[in-house]
Amino acid sequence: MGMSLGENIRVTLFGESHGPAVGALLEGVSPGIEIDIEILIQDLESRRPGRRLLSARAEPDECEILSGVYNGKTTGYPILLLVRNKDAKSRDYGFLPDHPRPGHADLPEAERTNGAADLRGGGTQSGRLTLGLVAAGSIARNLIGDAMVEAHCSQIGPIKGRIDGTRDGEACDVLNCNDSEAAEEMFALVKALRKQGDSIGSSVECCISNLPIGLGEPWFEGLEPALARGLMAIPAARAVEFGRGKDVVRMQGSEHNDAWGIEQTPVGSNPDGALGGMSTGAPLRIQVHFKPPSSISKTQMTLHLPSGEMRELQIGGRHDPVIAPRAAPVVEAVCRLILADLMQLRGAEK
């Protein structure tokens, strides 16, 4: 069952969208690490539903730490993080499993489990389980030294925003976007699509800075492969780019190569933060691209299993019209957990 991420710092997710609770078990954290409850609350708040324009599911997302922490510090034993579901409305999913939703994993999951899976709200495949990642990633803040991880909603549809822009106003807060001008345009676009009962694709840009040079293992445990594995597991992720990403196919080697500067880090306008799977000392830039949310209120045609016919389906419930705003803190959390895992491995090998 592939619900775990990491080897040395290991997080295992559990729960279902409409079950009693969701959460994570975090293992491998050394004793004596301070837990900042206020930061944990802030991290969870940044991905919480119920904000204007996004999902209206009014979950308080209050995290209970049931083990592994005593007097504000880790004990060295597994940390159990639990958040109870308090605003699930399962009646919205009475059409399942007979009428699987377009763009969802309802049918493959039902087949894989011989009909035993809880499909309501996406069940175990739901983005609600990212709450456990964010809670665990918040604790991992104190496991990665001076490394800094910052992510924001960088693109919705055709509208792009800068990670180093000016973050100001309601649109920036709602959309987790660092560019106030772009955020206003994004807000208007999402608002219009929501009125139409539709959704739209989006991207999260993440910058990891202050990494020690040489972090990462050869080949499959390299910095980019390890990060890509975790980031592609975020629900609805469809592509991950590092550095200049897909733009490199239009570049020549003389244009793409970054010289090593006198500080022993690559120099240039956007130098690579990783080479050969190891950090170079330059900032590592990542983009994660998400598909449009599949749950839309527009009527769609899809297979009706009992009849074997294509029939209309209109999905009710409370759903996000765009994913990146709430995915930004999830991207940060996954990056912190992967970095903590690689740093612990590096320390163990010395």
Protein backbone atom coordinates (compact mmCIF):
# COMPACT_ATOMS: atom_id res chain seq x y z
CA MET A 1 0.00 0.00 0.00
CA GLY A 2 1.76 3.14 -1.22
CA MET A 3 0.70 5.60 1.48
CA SER A 4 4.20 6.33 2.81
CA LEU A 5 6.89 8.81 1.73
CA GLY A 6 10.55 8.82 2.79
CA GLU A 7 13.00 6.34 4.30
CA ASN A 8 14.70 8.05 7.25
CA ILE A 9 12.06 10.71 7.86
CA ARG A 10 8.94 8.76 6.95
CA VAL A 11 5.36 10.03 6.72
CA THR A 12 2.39 7.69 6.30
CA LEU A 13 -1.01 9.13 5.42
CA PHE A 14 -4.35 7.71 6.54
CA GLY A 15 -8.07 8.47 6.41
CA GLU A 16 -10.78 9.22 3.86
CA SER A 17 -12.40 12.46 2.78
CA HIS A 18 -15.75 11.56 4.38
CA GLY A 19 -14.47 9.21 7.09
CA PRO A 20 -14.07 10.16 10.76
CA ALA A 21 -10.61 11.71 10.36
CA VAL A 22 -7.50 12.18 8.26
CA GLY A 23 -3.90 12.53 9.35
CA ALA A 24 -0.34 11.30 9.25
CA LEU A 25 2.15 9.21 11.19
CA LEU A 26 5.60 10.84 11.16
CA GLU A 27 8.55 8.63 12.04
CA GLY A 28 12.31 9.13 12.32
CA VAL A 29 12.30 12.55 14.01
CA SER A 30 15.04 12.85 16.62
CA PRO A 31 14.15 13.63 20.24
CA GLY A 32 14.29 17.20 21.51
CA ILE A 33 13.02 18.99 18.39
CA GLU A 34 10.81 21.93 19.37
CA ILE A 35 7.27 22.00 17.95
CA ASP A 36 5.91 25.45 17.14
CA ILE A 37 2.14 25.06 17.46
CA GLU A 38 1.47 28.57 16.10
CA ILE A 39 3.40 27.80 12.89
CA LEU A 40 1.55 24.49 12.60
CA ILE A 41 -1.77 26.33 12.84
CA GLN A 42 -0.66 28.87 10.21
CA ASP A 43 0.44 26.12 7.81
CA LEU A 44 -2.87 24.28 8.14
CA GLU A 45 -4.82 27.53 7.75
CA SER A 46 -3.09 28.23 4.42
CA ARG A 47 -4.61 25.07 2.86
CA ARG A 48 -7.91 25.09 4.77
CA PRO A 49 -11.19 25.02 2.82
CA GLY A 50 -14.01 27.48 3.46
CA ARG A 51 -12.27 30.59 2.10
CA ARG A 52 -13.98 32.89 -0.36
CA LEU A 53 -14.01 31.60 -3.96
CA LEU A 54 -12.63 28.16 -2.99
CA SER A 55 -14.35 25.10 -1.50
CA ALA A 56 -17.17 26.00 0.92
CA ARG A 57 -16.51 22.93 3.08
CA ALA A 58 -16.23 24.58 6.49
CA GLU A 59 -13.64 22.41 8.22
CA PRO A 60 -11.82 23.90 11.22
CA ASP A 61 -8.84 21.58 10.56
CA GLU A 62 -7.76 21.46 14.20
CA CYS A 63 -4.75 19.16 14.48
CA GLU A 64 -4.37 16.83 17.45
CA ILE A 65 -0.89 15.55 18.27
CA LEU A 66 -1.63 12.20 19.89
CA SER A 67 1.88 10.86 20.43
CA GLY A 68 5.58 11.59 20.04
CA VAL A 69 5.55 15.09 21.59
CA TYR A 70 5.93 15.96 25.26
CA ASN A 71 6.28 19.42 26.79
CA GLY A 72 6.51 20.98 23.33
CA LYS A 73 9.37 18.76 22.10
CA THR A 74 9.62 15.53 20.15
CA THR A 75 10.33 12.36 22.12
CA GLY A 76 12.00 10.46 19.28
CA TYR A 77 9.02 8.12 18.91
CA PRO A 78 6.37 8.17 16.13
CA ILE A 79 4.31 11.35 15.97
CA LEU A 80 0.62 10.76 15.29
CA LEU A 81 -1.15 13.78 13.77
CA LEU A 82 -4.94 13.61 13.50
CA VAL A 83 -7.59 16.01 12.18
CA ARG A 84 -11.25 15.08 12.56
CA ASN A 85 -13.66 15.62 9.66
CA LYS A 86 -16.51 17.76 10.93
CA ASP A 87 -18.30 19.06 7.81
CA ALA A 88 -18.62 16.12 5.42
CA LYS A 89 -21.90 15.90 3.48
CA SER A 90 -21.97 12.35 2.18
CA ARG A 91 -25.43 12.65 0.63
CA ASP A 92 -23.80 14.52 -2.26
CA TYR A 93 -22.26 11.22 -3.39
CA GLY A 94 -25.32 8.97 -3.49
CA PHE A 95 -24.71 8.26 -7.21
CA LEU A 96 -21.53 6.30 -6.41
CA PRO A 97 -20.35 3.67 -7.30
CA ASP A 98 -22.95 3.20 -10.07
CA HIS A 99 -22.15 6.43 -11.91
CA PRO A 100 -18.36 7.09 -11.75
CA ARG A 101 -17.37 10.73 -12.18
CA PRO A 102 -15.45 11.91 -15.26
CA GLY A 103 -11.81 12.67 -14.48
CA HIS A 104 -11.92 10.85 -11.12
CA ALA A 105 -10.44 7.56 -9.94
CA ASP A 106 -13.84 6.16 -8.88
CA LEU A 107 -13.90 3.28 -11.35
CA PRO A 108 -10.22 2.18 -11.03
CA GLU A 109 -10.46 2.35 -7.22
CA ALA A 110 -13.68 0.34 -7.15
CA GLU A 111 -12.11 -2.28 -9.41
CA ARG A 112 -8.87 -2.40 -7.42
CA THR A 113 -10.70 -2.99 -4.13
CA ASN A 114 -13.50 -5.19 -5.51
CA GLY A 115 -16.01 -2.54 -4.52
CA ALA A 116 -14.78 -2.14 -0.94
CA ALA A 117 -13.42 1.42 -1.25
CA ASP A 118 -15.09 4.48 0.28
CA LEU A 119 -15.47 6.68 -2.80
CA ARG A 120 -17.28 9.61 -1.14
CA GLY A 121 -15.48 12.87 -1.82
CA GLY A 122 -12.65 10.94 -3.42
CA GLY A 123 -12.09 8.72 -0.39
CA THR A 124 -8.42 7.91 0.12
CA GLN A 125 -7.60 9.57 -3.22
CA SER A 126 -8.98 12.90 -1.98
CA GLY A 127 -6.93 16.06 -1.71
CA ARG A 128 -8.17 16.23 1.88
CA LEU A 129 -5.41 13.78 2.81
CA THR A 130 -2.84 16.46 1.96
CA LEU A 131 -3.73 17.89 5.36
CA GLY A 132 -1.54 15.18 6.91
CA LEU A 133 1.32 16.16 4.62
CA VAL A 134 1.05 19.82 5.63
CA ALA A 135 0.99 18.95 9.34
CA ALA A 136 4.03 16.67 9.01
CA GLY A 137 5.80 19.18 6.78
CA SER A 138 5.29 21.88 9.39
CA ILE A 139 7.19 19.78 11.93
CA ALA A 140 9.89 19.19 9.31
CA ARG A 141 10.62 22.94 9.25
CA ASN A 142 12.98 22.37 12.18
CA LEU A 143 14.72 19.44 10.50
CA ILE A 144 16.21 21.18 7.45
CA GLY A 145 18.65 23.64 8.98
CA ASP A 146 18.95 26.97 7.16
CA ALA A 147 17.16 25.75 4.03
CA MET A 148 14.19 27.92 3.06
CA VAL A 149 11.18 26.67 1.11
CA GLU A 150 8.69 29.14 -0.38
CA ALA A 151 5.85 28.36 -2.78
CA HIS A 152 2.96 30.30 -4.25
CA CYS A 153 0.23 30.00 -6.88
CA SER A 154 2.16 31.16 -9.94
CA GLN A 155 -0.32 30.57 -12.75
CA ILE A 156 -4.05 30.11 -13.28
CA GLY A 157 -5.02 29.48 -16.88
CA PRO A 158 -3.02 31.94 -19.02
CA ILE A 159 -2.33 34.37 -16.15
CA LYS A 160 1.15 34.19 -14.60
CA GLY A 161 2.47 35.78 -11.40
CA ARG A 162 5.98 36.32 -10.04
CA ILE A 163 7.19 34.63 -6.88
CA ASP A 164 9.22 37.77 -6.08
CA GLY A 165 6.30 40.12 -6.71
CA THR A 166 4.35 42.25 -4.22
CA ARG A 167 1.93 40.27 -2.06
CA ASP A 168 -0.87 42.58 -0.98
CA GLY A 169 -4.67 42.40 -0.84
CA GLU A 170 -7.46 39.86 -0.54
CA ALA A 171 -6.82 38.22 -3.91
CA CYS A 172 -3.24 37.38 -2.90
CA ASP A 173 -4.41 35.96 0.44
CA VAL A 174 -7.20 33.84 -1.05
CA LEU A 175 -5.11 32.53 -3.95
CA ASN A 176 -1.76 32.19 -2.12
CA CYS A 177 -0.20 34.33 -4.87
CA ASN A 178 2.82 36.62 -4.37
CA ASP A 179 1.94 38.96 -7.25
CA SER A 180 -0.90 41.35 -6.41
CA GLU A 181 -1.49 42.51 -9.99
CA ALA A 182 -1.67 38.98 -11.38
CA ALA A 183 -3.75 37.81 -8.42
CA GLU A 184 -6.50 40.31 -9.22
CA GLU A 185 -6.74 38.95 -12.77
CA MET A 186 -6.65 35.36 -11.52
CA PHE A 187 -9.41 36.12 -9.01
CA ALA A 188 -11.68 37.53 -11.71
CA LEU A 189 -11.05 34.55 -14.00
CA VAL A 190 -11.77 31.95 -11.32
CA LYS A 191 -14.88 33.83 -10.18
CA ALA A 192 -16.26 33.83 -13.74
CA LEU A 193 -15.53 30.14 -14.27
CA ARG A 194 -17.12 29.22 -10.97
CA LYS A 195 -20.32 30.97 -12.01
CA GLN A 196 -20.25 28.89 -15.20
CA GLY A 197 -19.89 25.71 -13.15
CA ASP A 198 -16.45 25.02 -14.58
CA SER A 199 -12.84 24.78 -13.34
CA ILE A 200 -9.36 25.60 -14.60
CA GLY A 201 -5.76 24.37 -14.49
CA SER A 202 -3.04 26.03 -12.44
CA SER A 203 0.60 25.92 -11.33
CA VAL A 204 2.61 26.27 -8.13
CA GLU A 205 6.11 27.73 -8.23
CA CYS A 206 8.50 26.82 -5.42
CA CYS A 207 11.97 28.12 -4.59
CA ILE A 208 14.33 26.22 -2.25
CA SER A 209 17.29 28.30 -1.10
CA ASN A 210 20.23 28.00 1.34
CA LEU A 211 20.76 24.31 0.60
CA PRO A 212 24.21 22.94 1.43
CA ILE A 213 26.15 21.96 -1.67
CA GLY A 214 26.14 18.25 -2.47
CA LEU A 215 22.79 17.28 -0.93
CA GLY A 216 21.28 14.31 -2.77
CA GLU A 217 22.22 10.74 -3.61
CA PRO A 218 23.18 9.15 -6.94
CA TRP A 219 20.54 8.28 -9.48
CA PHE A 220 17.14 7.39 -8.03
CA GLU A 221 17.63 9.17 -4.70
CA GLY A 222 18.91 12.32 -6.37
CA LEU A 223 17.50 15.63 -5.23
CA GLU A 224 15.22 16.13 -8.26
CA PRO A 225 14.04 12.49 -8.55
CA ALA A 226 13.21 12.35 -4.83
CA LEU A 227 11.33 15.65 -4.97
CA ALA A 228 9.54 14.70 -8.19
CA ARG A 229 8.27 11.45 -6.69
CA GLY A 230 6.74 13.23 -3.72
CA LEU A 231 5.36 16.17 -5.69
CA MET A 232 3.76 14.02 -8.39
CA ALA A 233 1.84 12.16 -5.67
CA ILE A 234 -0.09 15.33 -4.77
CA PRO A 235 -3.62 14.78 -6.13
CA ALA A 236 -4.16 16.31 -9.60
CA ALA A 237 -0.44 16.98 -10.24
CA ARG A 238 0.34 16.41 -13.91
CA ALA A 239 3.90 17.67 -14.40
CA VAL A 240 6.95 18.83 -12.43
CA GLU A 241 9.67 21.09 -13.86
CA PHE A 242 13.05 21.95 -12.36
CA GLY A 243 15.14 24.99 -13.23
CA ARG A 244 14.33 26.16 -16.74
CA GLY A 245 12.12 23.12 -17.23
CA LYS A 246 10.73 22.39 -20.67
CA ASP A 247 12.24 25.60 -22.06
CA VAL A 248 15.62 23.81 -22.28
CA VAL A 249 14.51 22.02 -25.45
CA ARG A 250 14.86 25.34 -27.31
CA MET A 251 18.29 26.14 -25.83
CA GLN A 252 21.82 25.35 -26.95
CA GLY A 253 24.44 24.02 -24.57
CA SER A 254 26.44 27.23 -24.73
CA GLU A 255 23.33 29.11 -23.66
CA HIS A 256 22.18 26.68 -20.97
CA ASN A 257 25.48 25.90 -19.24
CA ASP A 258 26.13 27.84 -16.00
CA ALA A 259 29.72 28.73 -15.15
CA TRP A 260 30.99 28.00 -11.65
CA GLY A 261 31.61 31.33 -9.92
CA ILE A 262 34.24 32.29 -7.38
CA GLU A 263 31.80 31.44 -4.57
CA GLN A 264 31.78 27.85 -5.89
CA THR A 265 28.16 28.08 -6.99
CA PRO A 266 26.74 28.40 -10.51
CA VAL A 267 26.29 31.95 -11.78
CA GLY A 268 23.78 33.28 -14.28
CA SER A 269 20.26 34.70 -14.50
CA ASN A 270 18.63 31.45 -13.38
CA PRO A 271 21.34 28.89 -12.59
CA ASP A 272 20.56 25.26 -11.88
CA GLY A 273 20.02 24.47 -8.21
CA ALA A 274 20.84 20.81 -8.76
CA LEU A 275 23.22 18.90 -11.05
CA GLY A 276 23.65 15.13 -11.11
CA GLY A 277 20.97 14.86 -8.45
CA MET A 278 22.96 17.02 -5.99
CA SER A 279 22.39 20.58 -4.84
CA THR A 280 24.77 23.17 -6.28
CA GLY A 281 24.33 25.94 -3.72
CA ALA A 282 22.14 27.98 -6.07
CA PRO A 283 18.39 28.26 -5.44
CA LEU A 284 16.45 25.28 -6.72
CA ARG A 285 13.34 26.38 -8.65
CA ILE A 286 10.42 24.02 -9.14
CA GLN A 287 7.10 24.27 -10.93
CA VAL A 288 4.24 21.84 -10.29
CA HIS A 289 1.36 21.89 -12.76
CA PHE A 290 -2.16 20.79 -11.77
CA LYS A 291 -5.09 19.76 -13.92
CA PRO A 292 -8.46 21.51 -13.60
CA PRO A 293 -10.47 20.05 -10.70
CA SER A 294 -12.60 17.22 -12.10
CA SER A 295 -15.65 17.90 -9.91
CA ILE A 296 -17.62 20.57 -11.73
CA SER A 297 -21.32 21.39 -11.58
CA LYS A 298 -21.72 21.39 -15.36
CA THR A 299 -23.69 18.40 -16.62
CA GLN A 300 -21.42 15.76 -18.16
CA MET A 301 -21.97 12.47 -19.96
CA THR A 302 -20.37 9.42 -18.39
CA LEU A 303 -20.86 5.67 -18.04
CA HIS A 304 -23.75 4.41 -15.91
CA LEU A 305 -22.58 0.97 -14.81
CA PRO A 306 -25.89 -0.82 -14.06
CA SER A 307 -27.34 0.05 -17.47
CA GLY A 308 -24.11 0.04 -19.45
CA GLU A 309 -25.23 3.31 -21.03
CA MET A 310 -23.77 6.80 -21.24
CA ARG A 311 -25.94 9.03 -19.05
CA GLU A 312 -25.92 12.60 -17.80
CA LEU A 313 -24.34 13.30 -14.42
CA GLN A 314 -24.42 16.57 -12.54
CA ILE A 315 -22.15 16.62 -9.52
CA GLY A 316 -23.24 18.48 -6.40
CA GLY A 317 -21.13 19.14 -3.35
CA ARG A 318 -18.54 21.79 -2.50
CA HIS A 319 -15.45 21.78 -4.68
CA ASP A 320 -12.51 24.00 -5.55
CA PRO A 321 -12.60 25.58 -9.03
CA VAL A 322 -8.79 25.68 -9.06
CA ILE A 323 -6.14 23.68 -7.21
CA ALA A 324 -2.88 25.68 -6.96
CA PRO A 325 -3.98 28.13 -4.21
CA ARG A 326 -4.50 25.33 -1.71
CA ALA A 327 -1.73 23.17 -3.20
CA ALA A 328 1.02 25.76 -2.54
CA PRO A 329 1.42 24.84 1.17
CA VAL A 330 1.28 21.15 0.21
CA VAL A 331 4.18 21.63 -2.23
CA GLU A 332 6.15 23.36 0.53
CA ALA A 333 5.40 20.54 2.97
CA VAL A 334 6.45 17.78 0.55
CA CYS A 335 9.71 19.61 -0.21
CA ARG A 336 10.53 19.99 3.49
CA LEU A 337 9.85 16.32 4.18
CA ILE A 338 12.03 15.19 1.24
CA LEU A 339 14.85 17.55 2.25
CA ALA A 340 14.69 16.33 5.86
CA ASP A 341 14.86 12.73 4.66
CA LEU A 342 17.88 13.38 2.41
CA MET A 343 19.66 15.44 5.07
CA GLN A 344 19.27 12.67 7.64
CA LEU A 345 20.59 10.13 5.13
CA ARG A 346 23.58 12.36 4.39
CA GLY A 347 24.30 12.75 8.11
CA ALA A 348 24.09 9.00 8.68
CA GLU A 349 26.66 8.34 5.94
CA LYS A 350 29.27 10.72 7.34
